[in-house]
Amino acid sequence: MIKADGTLAVHSDGNASKPLNWMAAPNVLELHDDRWVVANSKGELLTIRISEIVEDVTHDLGVDPGLQKAGVEAHLQEMLAAKPWVLEDGLTLIRREHPTDIGSVDLLCADADQATVAVEVKRRGEIDGVEQLARYLERLDNDPRLAPVRGVLAAQSIAPQARVLAEARGVEAVEVDYDGLREADDAELRLFDIR
């Protein structure tokens, strides 16, 4: 399959959803009777030998409709920034994308006692998200204006292994109901936290 942007994907009949091989655009494609030769900007070369053409079809799918996937991490972060109190009573936002020298923590908040809370937002909470937050906490604790900083991993679902590691690292793991969060207001908390 050759997409309009020049991306080439080779699929099998058995698993059409995941390509066996692909080369993301930009590519240079040379079409020959018995082969296709694809070169990318890294100098990689893919040669596809053609022994038989079963069907050769072109579909114009029209203008890109600009579809966006709902429920992605960025949307969840945006909603939690607007309603941090769903994670914990009295939690207020200080800043989104608070920088550290190793990257930015998604949300920097203050709890009801004005202690600093760093919130890392993921669609699915895995071990790497816990480790990422632990590294941010270490860096944030070096700032005497913020220390001590407590950590919260907020995700739509959290893997059991991540929950165990979070507890070992002193990080709170909170599962968030995405649809409930979209509908939540100050009087209605639709959040679940499985510990």
N, C-alpha and C. Protein backbone atom coordinates (compact mmCIF):
# COMPACT_ATOMS: atom_id res chain seq x y z
N MET A 1 0.84 -1.16 0.00
CA MET A 1 0.00 0.00 0.00
C MET A 1 0.90 1.24 0.00
N ILE A 2 0.58 2.17 -0.87
CA ILE A 2 1.30 3.44 -0.90
C ILE A 2 0.30 4.52 -0.53
N LYS A 3 0.59 5.26 0.53
CA LYS A 3 -0.30 6.32 0.97
C LYS A 3 0.04 7.62 0.24
N ALA A 4 -0.88 8.55 0.30
CA ALA A 4 -0.72 9.82 -0.42
C ALA A 4 0.53 10.58 0.02
N ASP A 5 0.94 10.42 1.29
CA ASP A 5 2.12 11.14 1.77
C ASP A 5 3.43 10.46 1.39
N GLY A 6 3.35 9.30 0.70
CA GLY A 6 4.56 8.59 0.29
C GLY A 6 4.94 7.44 1.19
N THR A 7 4.23 7.24 2.30
CA THR A 7 4.49 6.10 3.17
C THR A 7 4.14 4.82 2.44
N LEU A 8 5.00 3.81 2.57
CA LEU A 8 4.76 2.52 1.94
C LEU A 8 4.62 1.47 3.03
N ALA A 9 3.58 0.63 2.94
CA ALA A 9 3.37 -0.43 3.92
C ALA A 9 3.12 -1.74 3.18
N VAL A 10 3.78 -2.81 3.65
CA VAL A 10 3.61 -4.14 3.07
C VAL A 10 2.83 -4.97 4.08
N HIS A 11 1.65 -5.42 3.68
CA HIS A 11 0.77 -6.20 4.57
C HIS A 11 0.67 -7.64 4.09
N SER A 12 0.31 -8.52 5.01
CA SER A 12 0.03 -9.92 4.65
C SER A 12 -1.48 -10.13 4.68
N ASP A 13 -1.92 -11.24 4.11
CA ASP A 13 -3.35 -11.55 4.17
C ASP A 13 -3.78 -11.91 5.59
N GLY A 14 -2.87 -12.50 6.35
CA GLY A 14 -3.22 -12.99 7.68
C GLY A 14 -3.45 -11.92 8.73
N ASN A 15 -2.70 -10.84 8.68
CA ASN A 15 -2.84 -9.78 9.68
C ASN A 15 -2.72 -8.44 8.98
N ALA A 16 -3.80 -8.01 8.38
CA ALA A 16 -3.78 -6.81 7.56
C ALA A 16 -3.65 -5.53 8.36
N SER A 17 -3.89 -5.58 9.66
CA SER A 17 -3.84 -4.35 10.45
C SER A 17 -2.42 -3.90 10.76
N LYS A 18 -1.49 -4.84 10.85
CA LYS A 18 -0.11 -4.49 11.16
C LYS A 18 0.78 -4.85 9.98
N PRO A 19 1.49 -3.86 9.42
CA PRO A 19 2.33 -4.17 8.26
C PRO A 19 3.52 -5.05 8.63
N LEU A 20 3.93 -5.88 7.67
CA LEU A 20 5.14 -6.69 7.83
C LEU A 20 6.38 -5.81 7.73
N ASN A 21 6.28 -4.79 6.88
CA ASN A 21 7.38 -3.86 6.67
C ASN A 21 6.77 -2.54 6.24
N TRP A 22 7.41 -1.45 6.61
CA TRP A 22 6.91 -0.15 6.18
C TRP A 22 8.06 0.85 6.14
N MET A 23 7.85 1.86 5.36
CA MET A 23 8.80 2.97 5.29
C MET A 23 7.98 4.24 5.33
N ALA A 24 8.15 4.98 6.41
CA ALA A 24 7.39 6.22 6.59
C ALA A 24 7.93 7.30 5.65
N ALA A 25 7.04 8.18 5.24
CA ALA A 25 7.42 9.29 4.36
C ALA A 25 8.41 10.21 5.06
N PRO A 26 9.23 10.92 4.34
CA PRO A 26 9.28 11.03 2.88
C PRO A 26 10.09 9.89 2.26
N ASN A 27 9.61 9.42 1.14
CA ASN A 27 10.26 8.34 0.39
C ASN A 27 10.36 8.71 -1.08
N VAL A 28 11.28 8.05 -1.76
CA VAL A 28 11.35 8.13 -3.22
C VAL A 28 11.01 6.73 -3.72
N LEU A 29 10.00 6.65 -4.56
CA LEU A 29 9.52 5.36 -5.05
C LEU A 29 9.78 5.26 -6.55
N GLU A 30 10.48 4.20 -6.96
CA GLU A 30 10.70 3.91 -8.38
C GLU A 30 9.87 2.68 -8.72
N LEU A 31 8.97 2.83 -9.70
CA LEU A 31 8.12 1.72 -10.12
C LEU A 31 8.68 1.11 -11.39
N HIS A 32 8.96 -0.19 -11.34
CA HIS A 32 9.42 -0.95 -12.50
C HIS A 32 8.41 -2.06 -12.75
N ASP A 33 8.48 -2.69 -13.91
CA ASP A 33 7.53 -3.76 -14.23
C ASP A 33 7.61 -4.92 -13.25
N ASP A 34 8.81 -5.27 -12.80
CA ASP A 34 8.99 -6.45 -11.95
C ASP A 34 9.35 -6.12 -10.49
N ARG A 35 9.44 -4.85 -10.15
CA ARG A 35 9.82 -4.50 -8.78
C ARG A 35 9.50 -3.04 -8.48
N TRP A 36 9.40 -2.77 -7.16
CA TRP A 36 9.34 -1.40 -6.66
C TRP A 36 10.58 -1.19 -5.82
N VAL A 37 11.20 -0.04 -5.96
CA VAL A 37 12.37 0.28 -5.15
C VAL A 37 12.03 1.56 -4.38
N VAL A 38 12.13 1.46 -3.06
CA VAL A 38 11.78 2.58 -2.19
C VAL A 38 13.02 3.00 -1.41
N ALA A 39 13.31 4.28 -1.43
CA ALA A 39 14.45 4.82 -0.67
C ALA A 39 13.93 5.92 0.25
N ASN A 40 14.45 5.94 1.49
CA ASN A 40 14.04 7.02 2.40
C ASN A 40 15.20 7.98 2.64
N SER A 41 14.95 9.00 3.44
CA SER A 41 15.96 10.04 3.67
C SER A 41 17.15 9.55 4.49
N LYS A 42 17.02 8.39 5.15
CA LYS A 42 18.13 7.83 5.93
C LYS A 42 19.06 6.99 5.07
N GLY A 43 18.70 6.84 3.80
CA GLY A 43 19.51 6.02 2.91
C GLY A 43 19.12 4.56 2.91
N GLU A 44 18.04 4.20 3.62
CA GLU A 44 17.57 2.82 3.62
C GLU A 44 16.87 2.53 2.30
N LEU A 45 17.01 1.31 1.85
CA LEU A 45 16.46 0.91 0.56
C LEU A 45 15.63 -0.35 0.74
N LEU A 46 14.43 -0.34 0.19
CA LEU A 46 13.55 -1.51 0.22
C LEU A 46 13.21 -1.86 -1.22
N THR A 47 13.48 -3.12 -1.60
CA THR A 47 13.13 -3.58 -2.94
C THR A 47 12.04 -4.63 -2.81
N ILE A 48 10.93 -4.40 -3.50
CA ILE A 48 9.81 -5.34 -3.49
C ILE A 48 9.74 -5.96 -4.87
N ARG A 49 9.99 -7.28 -4.95
CA ARG A 49 9.95 -7.98 -6.24
C ARG A 49 8.50 -8.43 -6.49
N ILE A 50 8.02 -8.17 -7.69
CA ILE A 50 6.64 -8.49 -8.04
C ILE A 50 6.64 -9.66 -9.01
N SER A 51 6.03 -10.76 -8.57
CA SER A 51 5.97 -11.94 -9.44
C SER A 51 4.61 -12.04 -10.12
N GLU A 52 3.57 -11.49 -9.49
CA GLU A 52 2.23 -11.56 -10.07
C GLU A 52 1.41 -10.39 -9.53
N ILE A 53 0.65 -9.75 -10.40
CA ILE A 53 -0.25 -8.68 -9.97
C ILE A 53 -1.65 -9.25 -9.97
N VAL A 54 -2.23 -9.33 -8.78
CA VAL A 54 -3.58 -9.86 -8.64
C VAL A 54 -4.59 -8.73 -8.84
N GLU A 55 -4.28 -7.58 -8.26
CA GLU A 55 -5.17 -6.43 -8.40
C GLU A 55 -4.35 -5.16 -8.18
N ASP A 56 -4.60 -4.16 -8.98
CA ASP A 56 -3.91 -2.87 -8.85
C ASP A 56 -4.99 -1.80 -8.81
N VAL A 57 -5.24 -1.25 -7.62
CA VAL A 57 -6.35 -0.33 -7.42
C VAL A 57 -5.85 0.95 -6.77
N THR A 58 -6.40 2.07 -7.21
CA THR A 58 -6.11 3.35 -6.58
C THR A 58 -7.42 3.92 -6.07
N HIS A 59 -7.41 4.35 -4.80
CA HIS A 59 -8.60 4.97 -4.19
C HIS A 59 -8.24 6.37 -3.75
N ASP A 60 -9.01 7.34 -4.22
CA ASP A 60 -8.85 8.71 -3.75
C ASP A 60 -9.78 8.86 -2.55
N LEU A 61 -9.20 8.98 -1.37
CA LEU A 61 -10.00 9.06 -0.15
C LEU A 61 -10.40 10.49 0.20
N GLY A 62 -10.09 11.42 -0.68
CA GLY A 62 -10.52 12.80 -0.46
C GLY A 62 -9.58 13.56 0.45
N VAL A 63 -10.05 14.72 0.84
CA VAL A 63 -9.28 15.61 1.70
C VAL A 63 -9.23 15.03 3.10
N ASP A 64 -8.11 15.16 3.77
CA ASP A 64 -7.95 14.72 5.14
C ASP A 64 -9.00 15.41 6.00
N PRO A 65 -9.89 14.65 6.64
CA PRO A 65 -10.95 15.27 7.41
C PRO A 65 -10.49 15.84 8.75
N GLY A 66 -9.24 15.62 9.10
CA GLY A 66 -8.73 16.15 10.36
C GLY A 66 -9.28 15.43 11.57
N LEU A 67 -9.49 14.12 11.43
CA LEU A 67 -10.02 13.35 12.56
C LEU A 67 -9.03 13.34 13.71
N GLN A 68 -9.57 13.37 14.90
CA GLN A 68 -8.73 13.29 16.09
C GLN A 68 -9.26 12.20 16.99
N LYS A 69 -8.37 11.45 17.59
CA LYS A 69 -8.74 10.36 18.47
C LYS A 69 -9.10 10.93 19.84
N ALA A 70 -10.27 10.57 20.34
CA ALA A 70 -10.70 11.02 21.67
C ALA A 70 -10.04 10.15 22.72
N GLY A 71 -9.81 10.71 23.87
CA GLY A 71 -9.28 9.94 24.99
C GLY A 71 -7.78 9.78 24.98
N VAL A 72 -7.08 10.55 24.18
CA VAL A 72 -5.63 10.46 24.18
C VAL A 72 -5.07 11.17 25.40
N GLU A 73 -3.82 10.91 25.68
CA GLU A 73 -3.16 11.45 26.87
C GLU A 73 -3.27 12.97 26.96
N ALA A 74 -3.13 13.67 25.84
CA ALA A 74 -3.20 15.13 25.85
C ALA A 74 -4.57 15.62 26.31
N HIS A 75 -5.64 14.94 25.89
CA HIS A 75 -6.99 15.33 26.32
C HIS A 75 -7.16 15.08 27.81
N LEU A 76 -6.69 13.94 28.27
CA LEU A 76 -6.79 13.61 29.69
C LEU A 76 -6.03 14.63 30.53
N GLN A 77 -4.84 15.00 30.08
CA GLN A 77 -4.05 16.00 30.80
C GLN A 77 -4.78 17.35 30.86
N GLU A 78 -5.36 17.74 29.73
CA GLU A 78 -6.09 19.01 29.67
C GLU A 78 -7.27 19.02 30.64
N MET A 79 -8.01 17.91 30.68
CA MET A 79 -9.17 17.85 31.58
C MET A 79 -8.74 17.82 33.04
N LEU A 80 -7.67 17.10 33.35
CA LEU A 80 -7.20 17.06 34.74
C LEU A 80 -6.63 18.41 35.17
N ALA A 81 -6.03 19.14 34.24
CA ALA A 81 -5.54 20.48 34.56
C ALA A 81 -6.70 21.41 34.91
N ALA A 82 -7.83 21.22 34.24
CA ALA A 82 -9.00 22.05 34.50
C ALA A 82 -9.74 21.63 35.77
N LYS A 83 -9.59 20.35 36.15
CA LYS A 83 -10.31 19.81 37.30
C LYS A 83 -9.40 18.96 38.19
N PRO A 84 -8.30 19.50 38.68
CA PRO A 84 -7.38 18.66 39.46
C PRO A 84 -7.99 18.12 40.75
N TRP A 85 -9.02 18.77 41.24
CA TRP A 85 -9.69 18.33 42.46
C TRP A 85 -10.29 16.94 42.35
N VAL A 86 -10.49 16.40 41.12
CA VAL A 86 -11.02 15.05 41.00
C VAL A 86 -9.99 14.01 41.44
N LEU A 87 -8.72 14.37 41.40
CA LEU A 87 -7.67 13.46 41.85
C LEU A 87 -7.58 13.42 43.37
N GLU A 88 -7.84 14.57 43.97
CA GLU A 88 -7.70 14.69 45.43
C GLU A 88 -8.41 15.97 45.86
N ASP A 89 -9.22 15.88 46.91
CA ASP A 89 -9.91 17.07 47.43
C ASP A 89 -8.91 18.18 47.73
N GLY A 90 -9.20 19.38 47.25
CA GLY A 90 -8.36 20.54 47.53
C GLY A 90 -7.17 20.72 46.61
N LEU A 91 -6.96 19.81 45.66
CA LEU A 91 -5.83 19.92 44.74
C LEU A 91 -6.08 21.05 43.75
N THR A 92 -5.08 21.92 43.58
CA THR A 92 -5.20 23.04 42.62
C THR A 92 -3.98 23.03 41.70
N LEU A 93 -4.18 23.51 40.50
CA LEU A 93 -3.12 23.53 39.50
C LEU A 93 -2.20 24.72 39.72
N ILE A 94 -0.90 24.46 39.70
CA ILE A 94 0.11 25.52 39.70
C ILE A 94 0.53 25.79 38.26
N ARG A 95 0.84 24.69 37.53
CA ARG A 95 1.34 24.86 36.17
C ARG A 95 1.26 23.55 35.40
N ARG A 96 0.97 23.65 34.11
CA ARG A 96 1.05 22.50 33.22
C ARG A 96 2.45 22.45 32.62
N GLU A 97 2.92 21.22 32.32
CA GLU A 97 4.22 21.01 31.68
C GLU A 97 5.32 21.76 32.43
N HIS A 98 5.41 21.51 33.72
CA HIS A 98 6.44 22.16 34.53
C HIS A 98 7.80 21.54 34.19
N PRO A 99 8.77 22.37 33.75
CA PRO A 99 10.05 21.82 33.29
C PRO A 99 10.97 21.39 34.44
N THR A 100 11.68 20.31 34.16
CA THR A 100 12.83 19.93 34.98
C THR A 100 13.99 19.80 34.01
N ASP A 101 15.17 19.53 34.52
CA ASP A 101 16.32 19.40 33.62
C ASP A 101 16.33 18.07 32.86
N ILE A 102 15.34 17.19 33.11
CA ILE A 102 15.26 15.92 32.37
C ILE A 102 13.92 15.77 31.65
N GLY A 103 13.12 16.81 31.62
CA GLY A 103 11.82 16.75 30.96
C GLY A 103 10.78 17.47 31.79
N SER A 104 9.57 17.54 31.27
CA SER A 104 8.50 18.27 31.95
C SER A 104 7.49 17.32 32.58
N VAL A 105 7.15 17.62 33.83
CA VAL A 105 6.09 16.87 34.50
C VAL A 105 4.77 17.46 34.02
N ASP A 106 3.79 16.60 33.78
CA ASP A 106 2.54 17.04 33.16
C ASP A 106 1.83 18.14 33.96
N LEU A 107 1.60 17.90 35.24
CA LEU A 107 0.90 18.88 36.07
C LEU A 107 1.65 19.09 37.38
N LEU A 108 1.86 20.33 37.73
CA LEU A 108 2.42 20.65 39.04
C LEU A 108 1.27 21.28 39.81
N CYS A 109 0.95 20.69 40.96
CA CYS A 109 -0.21 21.11 41.72
C CYS A 109 0.17 21.40 43.17
N ALA A 110 -0.78 21.97 43.90
CA ALA A 110 -0.65 22.17 45.34
C ALA A 110 -1.84 21.47 45.99
N ASP A 111 -1.59 20.76 47.09
CA ASP A 111 -2.69 20.09 47.78
C ASP A 111 -3.34 21.07 48.76
N ALA A 112 -4.29 20.59 49.54
CA ALA A 112 -5.04 21.45 50.46
C ALA A 112 -4.14 22.10 51.50
N ASP A 113 -2.99 21.47 51.80
CA ASP A 113 -2.03 22.02 52.77
C ASP A 113 -0.93 22.83 52.09
N GLN A 114 -1.08 23.10 50.80
CA GLN A 114 -0.12 23.85 49.98
C GLN A 114 1.20 23.11 49.76
N ALA A 115 1.20 21.79 49.94
CA ALA A 115 2.36 20.97 49.61
C ALA A 115 2.33 20.70 48.10
N THR A 116 3.50 20.56 47.51
CA THR A 116 3.61 20.37 46.06
C THR A 116 3.33 18.92 45.67
N VAL A 117 2.54 18.77 44.59
CA VAL A 117 2.19 17.45 44.07
C VAL A 117 2.48 17.46 42.57
N ALA A 118 3.29 16.51 42.12
CA ALA A 118 3.58 16.34 40.70
C ALA A 118 2.68 15.23 40.17
N VAL A 119 1.97 15.52 39.07
CA VAL A 119 1.05 14.55 38.49
C VAL A 119 1.54 14.20 37.09
N GLU A 120 1.78 12.91 36.87
CA GLU A 120 2.13 12.42 35.53
C GLU A 120 0.90 11.73 34.98
N VAL A 121 0.48 12.12 33.77
CA VAL A 121 -0.76 11.64 33.17
C VAL A 121 -0.42 10.67 32.03
N LYS A 122 -1.07 9.51 32.06
CA LYS A 122 -0.90 8.50 31.02
C LYS A 122 -2.26 7.94 30.65
N ARG A 123 -2.41 7.49 29.41
CA ARG A 123 -3.64 6.76 29.07
C ARG A 123 -3.65 5.44 29.84
N ARG A 124 -2.52 4.73 29.77
CA ARG A 124 -2.39 3.47 30.50
C ARG A 124 -1.14 3.57 31.37
N GLY A 125 -1.34 3.41 32.65
CA GLY A 125 -0.22 3.49 33.59
C GLY A 125 0.58 2.21 33.58
N GLU A 126 1.82 2.31 33.17
CA GLU A 126 2.73 1.16 33.12
C GLU A 126 3.94 1.46 34.00
N ILE A 127 4.82 0.49 34.12
CA ILE A 127 6.03 0.65 34.93
C ILE A 127 6.85 1.85 34.48
N ASP A 128 6.97 2.06 33.16
CA ASP A 128 7.79 3.17 32.68
C ASP A 128 7.22 4.53 33.11
N GLY A 129 5.91 4.64 33.24
CA GLY A 129 5.30 5.89 33.72
C GLY A 129 5.64 6.15 35.18
N VAL A 130 5.68 5.08 35.98
CA VAL A 130 6.06 5.22 37.40
C VAL A 130 7.51 5.65 37.49
N GLU A 131 8.38 5.01 36.72
CA GLU A 131 9.80 5.36 36.74
C GLU A 131 10.02 6.80 36.27
N GLN A 132 9.29 7.20 35.24
CA GLN A 132 9.40 8.57 34.74
C GLN A 132 9.03 9.57 35.83
N LEU A 133 7.92 9.33 36.50
CA LEU A 133 7.48 10.22 37.58
C LEU A 133 8.49 10.22 38.73
N ALA A 134 9.03 9.06 39.08
CA ALA A 134 10.03 8.99 40.15
C ALA A 134 11.26 9.84 39.82
N ARG A 135 11.68 9.82 38.56
CA ARG A 135 12.82 10.65 38.15
C ARG A 135 12.48 12.14 38.27
N TYR A 136 11.27 12.52 37.86
CA TYR A 136 10.84 13.92 37.98
C TYR A 136 10.80 14.34 39.46
N LEU A 137 10.28 13.47 40.31
CA LEU A 137 10.20 13.80 41.74
C LEU A 137 11.58 14.06 42.33
N GLU A 138 12.53 13.22 41.93
CA GLU A 138 13.91 13.40 42.40
C GLU A 138 14.45 14.77 42.00
N ARG A 139 14.19 15.18 40.76
CA ARG A 139 14.67 16.48 40.28
C ARG A 139 13.92 17.63 40.95
N LEU A 140 12.60 17.49 41.10
CA LEU A 140 11.79 18.55 41.71
C LEU A 140 12.15 18.75 43.19
N ASP A 141 12.50 17.66 43.86
CA ASP A 141 12.89 17.75 45.28
C ASP A 141 14.18 18.53 45.48
N ASN A 142 14.96 18.73 44.41
CA ASN A 142 16.18 19.53 44.51
C ASN A 142 15.88 21.02 44.60
N ASP A 143 14.65 21.42 44.31
CA ASP A 143 14.25 22.82 44.37
C ASP A 143 13.63 23.08 45.75
N PRO A 144 14.32 23.84 46.62
CA PRO A 144 13.81 24.05 47.98
C PRO A 144 12.46 24.77 48.03
N ARG A 145 12.11 25.47 46.95
CA ARG A 145 10.80 26.14 46.92
C ARG A 145 9.67 25.15 46.75
N LEU A 146 9.98 23.95 46.21
CA LEU A 146 8.95 22.95 45.94
C LEU A 146 8.98 21.78 46.92
N ALA A 147 10.15 21.43 47.39
CA ALA A 147 10.34 20.23 48.20
C ALA A 147 9.60 20.33 49.53
N PRO A 148 9.13 19.21 50.03
CA PRO A 148 9.11 17.88 49.40
C PRO A 148 7.95 17.78 48.41
N VAL A 149 8.18 17.05 47.32
CA VAL A 149 7.17 16.90 46.28
C VAL A 149 6.62 15.48 46.32
N ARG A 150 5.32 15.38 46.35
CA ARG A 150 4.62 14.10 46.34
C ARG A 150 4.20 13.80 44.90
N GLY A 151 4.13 12.51 44.53
CA GLY A 151 3.80 12.14 43.16
C GLY A 151 2.49 11.39 43.02
N VAL A 152 1.78 11.68 41.91
CA VAL A 152 0.54 10.97 41.57
C VAL A 152 0.64 10.56 40.11
N LEU A 153 0.47 9.27 39.83
CA LEU A 153 0.36 8.76 38.47
C LEU A 153 -1.13 8.63 38.19
N ALA A 154 -1.64 9.41 37.23
CA ALA A 154 -3.06 9.39 36.87
C ALA A 154 -3.21 8.77 35.49
N ALA A 155 -4.07 7.76 35.38
CA ALA A 155 -4.25 7.06 34.11
C ALA A 155 -5.65 6.47 34.04
N GLN A 156 -6.09 6.19 32.81
CA GLN A 156 -7.39 5.55 32.65
C GLN A 156 -7.37 4.13 33.18
N SER A 157 -6.23 3.47 33.07
CA SER A 157 -6.06 2.15 33.68
C SER A 157 -4.60 2.03 34.10
N ILE A 158 -4.38 1.26 35.14
CA ILE A 158 -3.03 1.10 35.67
C ILE A 158 -2.73 -0.39 35.79
N ALA A 159 -1.65 -0.81 35.18
CA ALA A 159 -1.25 -2.22 35.22
C ALA A 159 -0.91 -2.63 36.65
N PRO A 160 -1.22 -3.86 37.02
CA PRO A 160 -0.92 -4.31 38.39
C PRO A 160 0.56 -4.14 38.77
N GLN A 161 1.46 -4.42 37.83
CA GLN A 161 2.89 -4.28 38.12
C GLN A 161 3.25 -2.82 38.39
N ALA A 162 2.61 -1.91 37.65
CA ALA A 162 2.86 -0.48 37.85
C ALA A 162 2.33 -0.04 39.21
N ARG A 163 1.22 -0.59 39.62
CA ARG A 163 0.64 -0.25 40.92
C ARG A 163 1.59 -0.69 42.06
N VAL A 164 2.16 -1.88 41.92
CA VAL A 164 3.10 -2.39 42.92
C VAL A 164 4.34 -1.49 42.98
N LEU A 165 4.89 -1.15 41.82
CA LEU A 165 6.08 -0.30 41.78
C LEU A 165 5.77 1.09 42.31
N ALA A 166 4.60 1.62 41.98
CA ALA A 166 4.21 2.95 42.48
C ALA A 166 4.20 2.97 44.00
N GLU A 167 3.63 1.94 44.59
CA GLU A 167 3.61 1.86 46.05
C GLU A 167 5.03 1.81 46.61
N ALA A 168 5.90 1.02 45.98
CA ALA A 168 7.29 0.91 46.43
C ALA A 168 8.04 2.24 46.29
N ARG A 169 7.67 3.05 45.30
CA ARG A 169 8.33 4.34 45.05
C ARG A 169 7.66 5.48 45.81
N GLY A 170 6.60 5.18 46.56
CA GLY A 170 5.90 6.23 47.30
C GLY A 170 5.04 7.12 46.41
N VAL A 171 4.61 6.57 45.28
CA VAL A 171 3.79 7.31 44.32
C VAL A 171 2.36 6.79 44.42
N GLU A 172 1.40 7.70 44.41
CA GLU A 172 0.01 7.31 44.43
C GLU A 172 -0.44 7.01 42.99
N ALA A 173 -1.14 5.91 42.80
CA ALA A 173 -1.64 5.52 41.48
C ALA A 173 -3.15 5.70 41.47
N VAL A 174 -3.64 6.56 40.59
CA VAL A 174 -5.07 6.89 40.55
C VAL A 174 -5.62 6.60 39.15
N GLU A 175 -6.66 5.77 39.10
CA GLU A 175 -7.33 5.51 37.84
C GLU A 175 -8.45 6.53 37.67
N VAL A 176 -8.54 7.07 36.45
CA VAL A 176 -9.49 8.13 36.16
C VAL A 176 -10.49 7.66 35.12
N ASP A 177 -11.75 7.91 35.37
CA ASP A 177 -12.83 7.60 34.42
C ASP A 177 -12.89 8.74 33.42
N TYR A 178 -12.39 8.51 32.19
CA TYR A 178 -12.29 9.56 31.18
C TYR A 178 -13.66 10.17 30.87
N ASP A 179 -14.65 9.33 30.61
CA ASP A 179 -15.98 9.85 30.28
C ASP A 179 -16.58 10.60 31.46
N GLY A 180 -16.39 10.06 32.66
CA GLY A 180 -16.89 10.76 33.85
C GLY A 180 -16.20 12.08 34.07
N LEU A 181 -14.91 12.13 33.78
CA LEU A 181 -14.15 13.37 33.94
C LEU A 181 -14.65 14.45 32.98
N ARG A 182 -15.02 14.04 31.78
CA ARG A 182 -15.56 15.01 30.81
C ARG A 182 -16.84 15.64 31.33
N GLU A 183 -17.64 14.87 32.08
CA GLU A 183 -18.93 15.35 32.57
C GLU A 183 -18.86 15.94 33.97
N ALA A 184 -17.74 15.75 34.66
CA ALA A 184 -17.64 16.15 36.07
C ALA A 184 -17.72 17.66 36.23
N ASP A 185 -18.38 18.07 37.30
CA ASP A 185 -18.36 19.47 37.70
C ASP A 185 -17.97 19.51 39.16
N ASP A 186 -17.99 20.67 39.78
CA ASP A 186 -17.53 20.79 41.16
C ASP A 186 -18.34 19.96 42.14
N ALA A 187 -19.58 19.64 41.79
CA ALA A 187 -20.44 18.92 42.72
C ALA A 187 -20.46 17.43 42.46
N GLU A 188 -19.90 16.99 41.38
CA GLU A 188 -20.01 15.59 40.98
C GLU A 188 -18.64 15.02 40.66
N LEU A 189 -18.14 14.17 41.54
CA LEU A 189 -16.86 13.51 41.30
C LEU A 189 -17.15 12.15 40.68
N ARG A 190 -16.71 11.94 39.46
CA ARG A 190 -16.88 10.65 38.81
C ARG A 190 -15.50 10.11 38.52
N LEU A 191 -14.85 9.66 39.55
CA LEU A 191 -13.49 9.18 39.49
C LEU A 191 -13.45 7.89 40.28
N PHE A 192 -12.70 6.92 39.83
CA PHE A 192 -12.51 5.75 40.65
C PHE A 192 -11.03 5.52 40.87
N ASP A 193 -10.72 5.06 42.05
CA ASP A 193 -9.33 4.85 42.46
C ASP A 193 -9.24 3.45 43.03
N ILE A 194 -8.61 2.55 42.30
CA ILE A 194 -8.47 1.17 42.75
C ILE A 194 -7.06 1.01 43.30
N ARG A 195 -6.95 0.68 44.54
CA ARG A 195 -5.63 0.52 45.14
C ARG A 195 -5.34 -0.93 45.46
